[in-house]
Amino acid sequence: MPYVIGNESFSTKQEIIKKTQCILNKTADNQEVGGRDYDFLIALFRNHNEWEQKSENGYSKIITGKSLHGTRCFYLKTDIGLEDISFRHAIKCIKKLPVIDI
């Protein structure tokens, strides 16, 4: 499997998109993502090239909501407010695992 997010393996980035969209679709606006879905999203978001800046004010929750553009997205609940974070960009930043021949 070329991609690993948390403890889950995926053959393609499209599979990661599908799982992430499923989490987004089943979570109502302004609701907290919890449990394994939360763990998965944090592992995914750590691939985002702006993770350090987006999480620098700490984070306690992931919630869903509408963006300024009218699309649904994820937000990190930080000590100073909400920080939007793009799952699609995080997925673009994921690197494949190297294949090791034995």
N, C-alpha and C. Protein backbone atom coordinates (compact mmCIF):
# COMPACT_ATOMS: atom_id res chain seq x y z
N MET A 1 0.84 -1.17 0.00
CA MET A 1 0.00 0.00 0.00
C MET A 1 0.89 1.25 0.00
N PRO A 2 0.71 2.13 -0.95
CA PRO A 2 1.63 3.26 -1.05
C PRO A 2 1.35 4.42 -0.09
N TYR A 3 0.17 4.51 0.55
CA TYR A 3 -0.14 5.63 1.44
C TYR A 3 -0.63 5.11 2.78
N VAL A 4 -0.10 5.68 3.87
CA VAL A 4 -0.54 5.31 5.21
C VAL A 4 -0.92 6.59 5.95
N ILE A 5 -2.14 6.61 6.47
CA ILE A 5 -2.63 7.72 7.29
C ILE A 5 -3.00 7.11 8.64
N GLY A 6 -2.32 7.53 9.68
CA GLY A 6 -2.53 6.91 10.99
C GLY A 6 -2.15 5.45 10.89
N ASN A 7 -3.10 4.58 11.15
CA ASN A 7 -2.83 3.15 11.04
C ASN A 7 -3.59 2.52 9.88
N GLU A 8 -4.04 3.34 8.92
CA GLU A 8 -4.79 2.84 7.77
C GLU A 8 -3.97 2.98 6.50
N SER A 9 -4.06 1.96 5.65
CA SER A 9 -3.36 1.96 4.37
C SER A 9 -4.33 2.19 3.23
N PHE A 10 -3.87 2.93 2.22
CA PHE A 10 -4.69 3.26 1.06
C PHE A 10 -3.86 3.05 -0.20
N SER A 11 -4.49 2.51 -1.23
CA SER A 11 -3.80 2.28 -2.50
C SER A 11 -3.66 3.56 -3.31
N THR A 12 -4.65 4.46 -3.19
CA THR A 12 -4.64 5.68 -3.99
C THR A 12 -5.05 6.89 -3.14
N LYS A 13 -4.70 8.06 -3.62
CA LYS A 13 -5.15 9.27 -2.95
C LYS A 13 -6.67 9.42 -3.08
N GLN A 14 -7.24 8.89 -4.15
CA GLN A 14 -8.69 8.95 -4.32
C GLN A 14 -9.40 8.21 -3.18
N GLU A 15 -8.84 7.12 -2.70
CA GLU A 15 -9.42 6.40 -1.57
C GLU A 15 -9.40 7.26 -0.30
N ILE A 16 -8.33 8.03 -0.14
CA ILE A 16 -8.23 8.92 1.02
C ILE A 16 -9.28 10.03 0.91
N ILE A 17 -9.44 10.59 -0.29
CA ILE A 17 -10.46 11.61 -0.52
C ILE A 17 -11.84 11.06 -0.19
N LYS A 18 -12.13 9.85 -0.65
CA LYS A 18 -13.45 9.24 -0.42
C LYS A 18 -13.72 9.09 1.08
N LYS A 19 -12.75 8.59 1.83
CA LYS A 19 -12.92 8.42 3.27
C LYS A 19 -13.12 9.78 3.96
N THR A 20 -12.33 10.77 3.57
CA THR A 20 -12.43 12.08 4.18
C THR A 20 -13.76 12.75 3.86
N GLN A 21 -14.22 12.63 2.63
CA GLN A 21 -15.52 13.18 2.26
C GLN A 21 -16.65 12.50 3.03
N CYS A 22 -16.52 11.21 3.27
CA CYS A 22 -17.51 10.48 4.05
C CYS A 22 -17.59 11.06 5.47
N ILE A 23 -16.46 11.34 6.08
CA ILE A 23 -16.44 11.95 7.41
C ILE A 23 -17.11 13.33 7.37
N LEU A 24 -16.76 14.13 6.36
CA LEU A 24 -17.34 15.46 6.22
C LEU A 24 -18.86 15.38 6.03
N ASN A 25 -19.31 14.45 5.19
CA ASN A 25 -20.74 14.33 4.89
C ASN A 25 -21.57 13.83 6.05
N LYS A 26 -20.99 13.02 6.91
CA LYS A 26 -21.77 12.48 8.02
C LYS A 26 -21.74 13.37 9.27
N THR A 27 -20.93 14.43 9.23
CA THR A 27 -20.82 15.34 10.36
C THR A 27 -21.55 16.64 10.02
N ALA A 28 -22.57 16.97 10.79
CA ALA A 28 -23.35 18.19 10.55
C ALA A 28 -22.50 19.43 10.78
N ASP A 29 -22.88 20.53 10.14
CA ASP A 29 -22.17 21.79 10.34
C ASP A 29 -22.11 22.16 11.81
N ASN A 30 -20.97 22.69 12.21
CA ASN A 30 -20.71 23.14 13.58
C ASN A 30 -20.69 22.01 14.60
N GLN A 31 -20.54 20.77 14.13
CA GLN A 31 -20.45 19.62 15.01
C GLN A 31 -19.00 19.14 15.08
N GLU A 32 -18.65 18.57 16.20
CA GLU A 32 -17.31 18.07 16.44
C GLU A 32 -17.13 16.70 15.81
N VAL A 33 -15.99 16.49 15.19
CA VAL A 33 -15.60 15.17 14.69
C VAL A 33 -14.93 14.45 15.85
N GLY A 34 -15.34 13.21 16.10
CA GLY A 34 -14.78 12.51 17.25
C GLY A 34 -14.24 11.14 16.92
N GLY A 35 -13.68 10.50 17.94
CA GLY A 35 -13.24 9.11 17.86
C GLY A 35 -12.19 8.85 16.81
N ARG A 36 -12.37 7.74 16.13
CA ARG A 36 -11.41 7.33 15.10
C ARG A 36 -11.34 8.31 13.94
N ASP A 37 -12.50 8.94 13.64
CA ASP A 37 -12.50 9.93 12.56
C ASP A 37 -11.59 11.11 12.92
N TYR A 38 -11.63 11.55 14.17
CA TYR A 38 -10.76 12.64 14.63
C TYR A 38 -9.29 12.22 14.50
N ASP A 39 -8.99 11.02 14.98
CA ASP A 39 -7.60 10.53 14.90
C ASP A 39 -7.11 10.46 13.46
N PHE A 40 -7.98 9.98 12.56
CA PHE A 40 -7.63 9.90 11.14
C PHE A 40 -7.35 11.29 10.58
N LEU A 41 -8.23 12.25 10.87
CA LEU A 41 -8.07 13.60 10.32
C LEU A 41 -6.80 14.28 10.84
N ILE A 42 -6.51 14.13 12.12
CA ILE A 42 -5.28 14.72 12.65
C ILE A 42 -4.07 14.12 11.93
N ALA A 43 -4.06 12.80 11.75
CA ALA A 43 -2.95 12.15 11.04
C ALA A 43 -2.86 12.67 9.60
N LEU A 44 -4.00 12.88 8.96
CA LEU A 44 -4.01 13.41 7.60
C LEU A 44 -3.51 14.86 7.57
N PHE A 45 -4.06 15.69 8.47
CA PHE A 45 -3.71 17.11 8.46
C PHE A 45 -2.23 17.35 8.77
N ARG A 46 -1.58 16.45 9.47
CA ARG A 46 -0.15 16.60 9.75
C ARG A 46 0.69 16.57 8.47
N ASN A 47 0.10 16.12 7.36
CA ASN A 47 0.78 16.14 6.06
C ASN A 47 0.70 17.50 5.38
N HIS A 48 -0.22 18.33 5.82
CA HIS A 48 -0.43 19.66 5.22
C HIS A 48 0.84 20.48 5.38
N ASN A 49 1.27 21.13 4.31
CA ASN A 49 2.54 21.87 4.38
C ASN A 49 2.45 23.12 5.28
N GLU A 50 1.24 23.51 5.72
CA GLU A 50 1.09 24.62 6.64
C GLU A 50 0.60 24.15 8.02
N TRP A 51 0.78 22.85 8.31
CA TRP A 51 0.31 22.30 9.59
C TRP A 51 0.88 23.07 10.78
N GLU A 52 2.16 23.36 10.77
CA GLU A 52 2.78 24.05 11.90
C GLU A 52 2.11 25.39 12.17
N GLN A 53 1.86 26.16 11.12
CA GLN A 53 1.23 27.48 11.29
C GLN A 53 -0.23 27.32 11.72
N LYS A 54 -0.94 26.38 11.13
CA LYS A 54 -2.36 26.22 11.42
C LYS A 54 -2.61 25.68 12.83
N SER A 55 -1.66 24.94 13.36
CA SER A 55 -1.84 24.34 14.69
C SER A 55 -1.03 25.05 15.78
N GLU A 56 -0.34 26.13 15.43
CA GLU A 56 0.55 26.78 16.39
C GLU A 56 -0.18 27.36 17.60
N ASN A 57 -1.47 27.64 17.49
CA ASN A 57 -2.24 28.15 18.62
C ASN A 57 -2.95 27.02 19.37
N GLY A 58 -2.46 25.82 19.21
CA GLY A 58 -3.08 24.66 19.84
C GLY A 58 -4.37 24.31 19.12
N TYR A 59 -4.90 23.17 19.43
CA TYR A 59 -6.20 22.78 18.88
C TYR A 59 -6.82 21.79 19.84
N SER A 60 -8.12 21.89 19.96
CA SER A 60 -8.83 21.01 20.89
C SER A 60 -9.88 20.17 20.19
N LYS A 61 -10.31 20.61 19.01
CA LYS A 61 -11.38 19.91 18.29
C LYS A 61 -11.21 20.11 16.80
N ILE A 62 -11.88 19.26 16.05
CA ILE A 62 -12.10 19.48 14.63
C ILE A 62 -13.60 19.59 14.47
N ILE A 63 -14.04 20.65 13.81
CA ILE A 63 -15.47 20.79 13.53
C ILE A 63 -15.66 21.02 12.04
N THR A 64 -16.89 20.87 11.58
CA THR A 64 -17.21 21.11 10.18
C THR A 64 -18.01 22.40 10.08
N GLY A 65 -18.00 22.99 8.91
CA GLY A 65 -18.77 24.20 8.69
C GLY A 65 -18.65 24.66 7.25
N LYS A 66 -19.28 25.77 6.96
CA LYS A 66 -19.23 26.36 5.62
C LYS A 66 -18.05 27.32 5.54
N SER A 67 -17.37 27.26 4.41
CA SER A 67 -16.27 28.20 4.17
C SER A 67 -16.85 29.51 3.65
N LEU A 68 -16.01 30.51 3.51
CA LEU A 68 -16.43 31.78 2.94
C LEU A 68 -16.92 31.62 1.50
N HIS A 69 -16.48 30.54 0.85
CA HIS A 69 -16.85 30.27 -0.54
C HIS A 69 -18.13 29.44 -0.63
N GLY A 70 -18.70 29.07 0.51
CA GLY A 70 -19.95 28.32 0.52
C GLY A 70 -19.78 26.81 0.50
N THR A 71 -18.55 26.34 0.46
CA THR A 71 -18.31 24.89 0.48
C THR A 71 -18.16 24.43 1.92
N ARG A 72 -18.38 23.14 2.15
CA ARG A 72 -18.20 22.59 3.49
C ARG A 72 -16.75 22.21 3.68
N CYS A 73 -16.25 22.44 4.90
CA CYS A 73 -14.85 22.15 5.16
C CYS A 73 -14.64 21.82 6.63
N PHE A 74 -13.41 21.50 6.96
CA PHE A 74 -13.01 21.22 8.33
C PHE A 74 -12.33 22.45 8.92
N TYR A 75 -12.51 22.62 10.23
CA TYR A 75 -11.84 23.68 10.97
C TYR A 75 -11.19 23.08 12.20
N LEU A 76 -9.99 23.58 12.52
CA LEU A 76 -9.37 23.27 13.80
C LEU A 76 -9.89 24.30 14.80
N LYS A 77 -10.39 23.85 15.92
CA LYS A 77 -10.79 24.74 17.01
C LYS A 77 -9.53 25.01 17.81
N THR A 78 -9.03 26.25 17.71
CA THR A 78 -7.79 26.61 18.39
C THR A 78 -8.08 27.46 19.62
N ASP A 79 -7.04 27.82 20.34
CA ASP A 79 -7.19 28.65 21.53
C ASP A 79 -7.70 30.05 21.20
N ILE A 80 -7.55 30.48 19.94
CA ILE A 80 -7.99 31.84 19.59
C ILE A 80 -9.15 31.86 18.59
N GLY A 81 -9.67 30.72 18.20
CA GLY A 81 -10.79 30.70 17.25
C GLY A 81 -10.74 29.49 16.35
N LEU A 82 -11.27 29.67 15.14
CA LEU A 82 -11.31 28.59 14.16
C LEU A 82 -10.26 28.82 13.08
N GLU A 83 -9.61 27.75 12.68
CA GLU A 83 -8.60 27.78 11.62
C GLU A 83 -9.03 26.77 10.56
N ASP A 84 -9.36 27.27 9.36
CA ASP A 84 -9.74 26.33 8.30
C ASP A 84 -8.52 25.54 7.85
N ILE A 85 -8.77 24.30 7.43
CA ILE A 85 -7.68 23.46 6.95
C ILE A 85 -8.22 22.57 5.83
N SER A 86 -7.54 22.60 4.72
CA SER A 86 -7.98 21.90 3.52
C SER A 86 -7.52 20.44 3.53
N PHE A 87 -8.48 19.53 3.55
CA PHE A 87 -8.10 18.12 3.47
C PHE A 87 -7.54 17.79 2.10
N ARG A 88 -8.04 18.44 1.06
CA ARG A 88 -7.54 18.16 -0.29
C ARG A 88 -6.07 18.59 -0.42
N HIS A 89 -5.73 19.71 0.18
CA HIS A 89 -4.33 20.14 0.14
C HIS A 89 -3.45 19.20 0.96
N ALA A 90 -3.95 18.77 2.12
CA ALA A 90 -3.19 17.81 2.93
C ALA A 90 -2.93 16.53 2.15
N ILE A 91 -3.93 16.08 1.40
CA ILE A 91 -3.77 14.86 0.59
C ILE A 91 -2.75 15.08 -0.52
N LYS A 92 -2.77 16.25 -1.14
CA LYS A 92 -1.77 16.55 -2.18
C LYS A 92 -0.34 16.49 -1.62
N CYS A 93 -0.18 16.81 -0.34
CA CYS A 93 1.15 16.86 0.27
C CYS A 93 1.65 15.49 0.74
N ILE A 94 0.80 14.47 0.71
CA ILE A 94 1.21 13.14 1.17
C ILE A 94 2.22 12.56 0.21
N LYS A 95 3.23 11.95 0.76
CA LYS A 95 4.23 11.27 -0.05
C LYS A 95 4.00 9.76 0.00
N LYS A 96 4.31 9.10 -1.10
CA LYS A 96 4.20 7.64 -1.14
C LYS A 96 5.26 7.01 -0.26
N LEU A 97 4.91 5.86 0.28
CA LEU A 97 5.90 5.08 1.01
C LEU A 97 6.85 4.44 0.01
N PRO A 98 8.12 4.38 0.31
CA PRO A 98 9.05 3.74 -0.62
C PRO A 98 8.80 2.23 -0.68
N VAL A 99 8.99 1.68 -1.86
CA VAL A 99 8.88 0.23 -2.04
C VAL A 99 10.25 -0.37 -1.76
N ILE A 100 10.27 -1.35 -0.86
CA ILE A 100 11.52 -1.98 -0.49
C ILE A 100 11.54 -3.41 -1.04
N ASP A 101 12.50 -3.68 -1.88
CA ASP A 101 12.66 -5.04 -2.40
C ASP A 101 13.45 -5.87 -1.41
N ILE A 102 12.99 -7.08 -1.21
CA ILE A 102 13.68 -7.99 -0.30
C ILE A 102 14.38 -9.07 -1.06
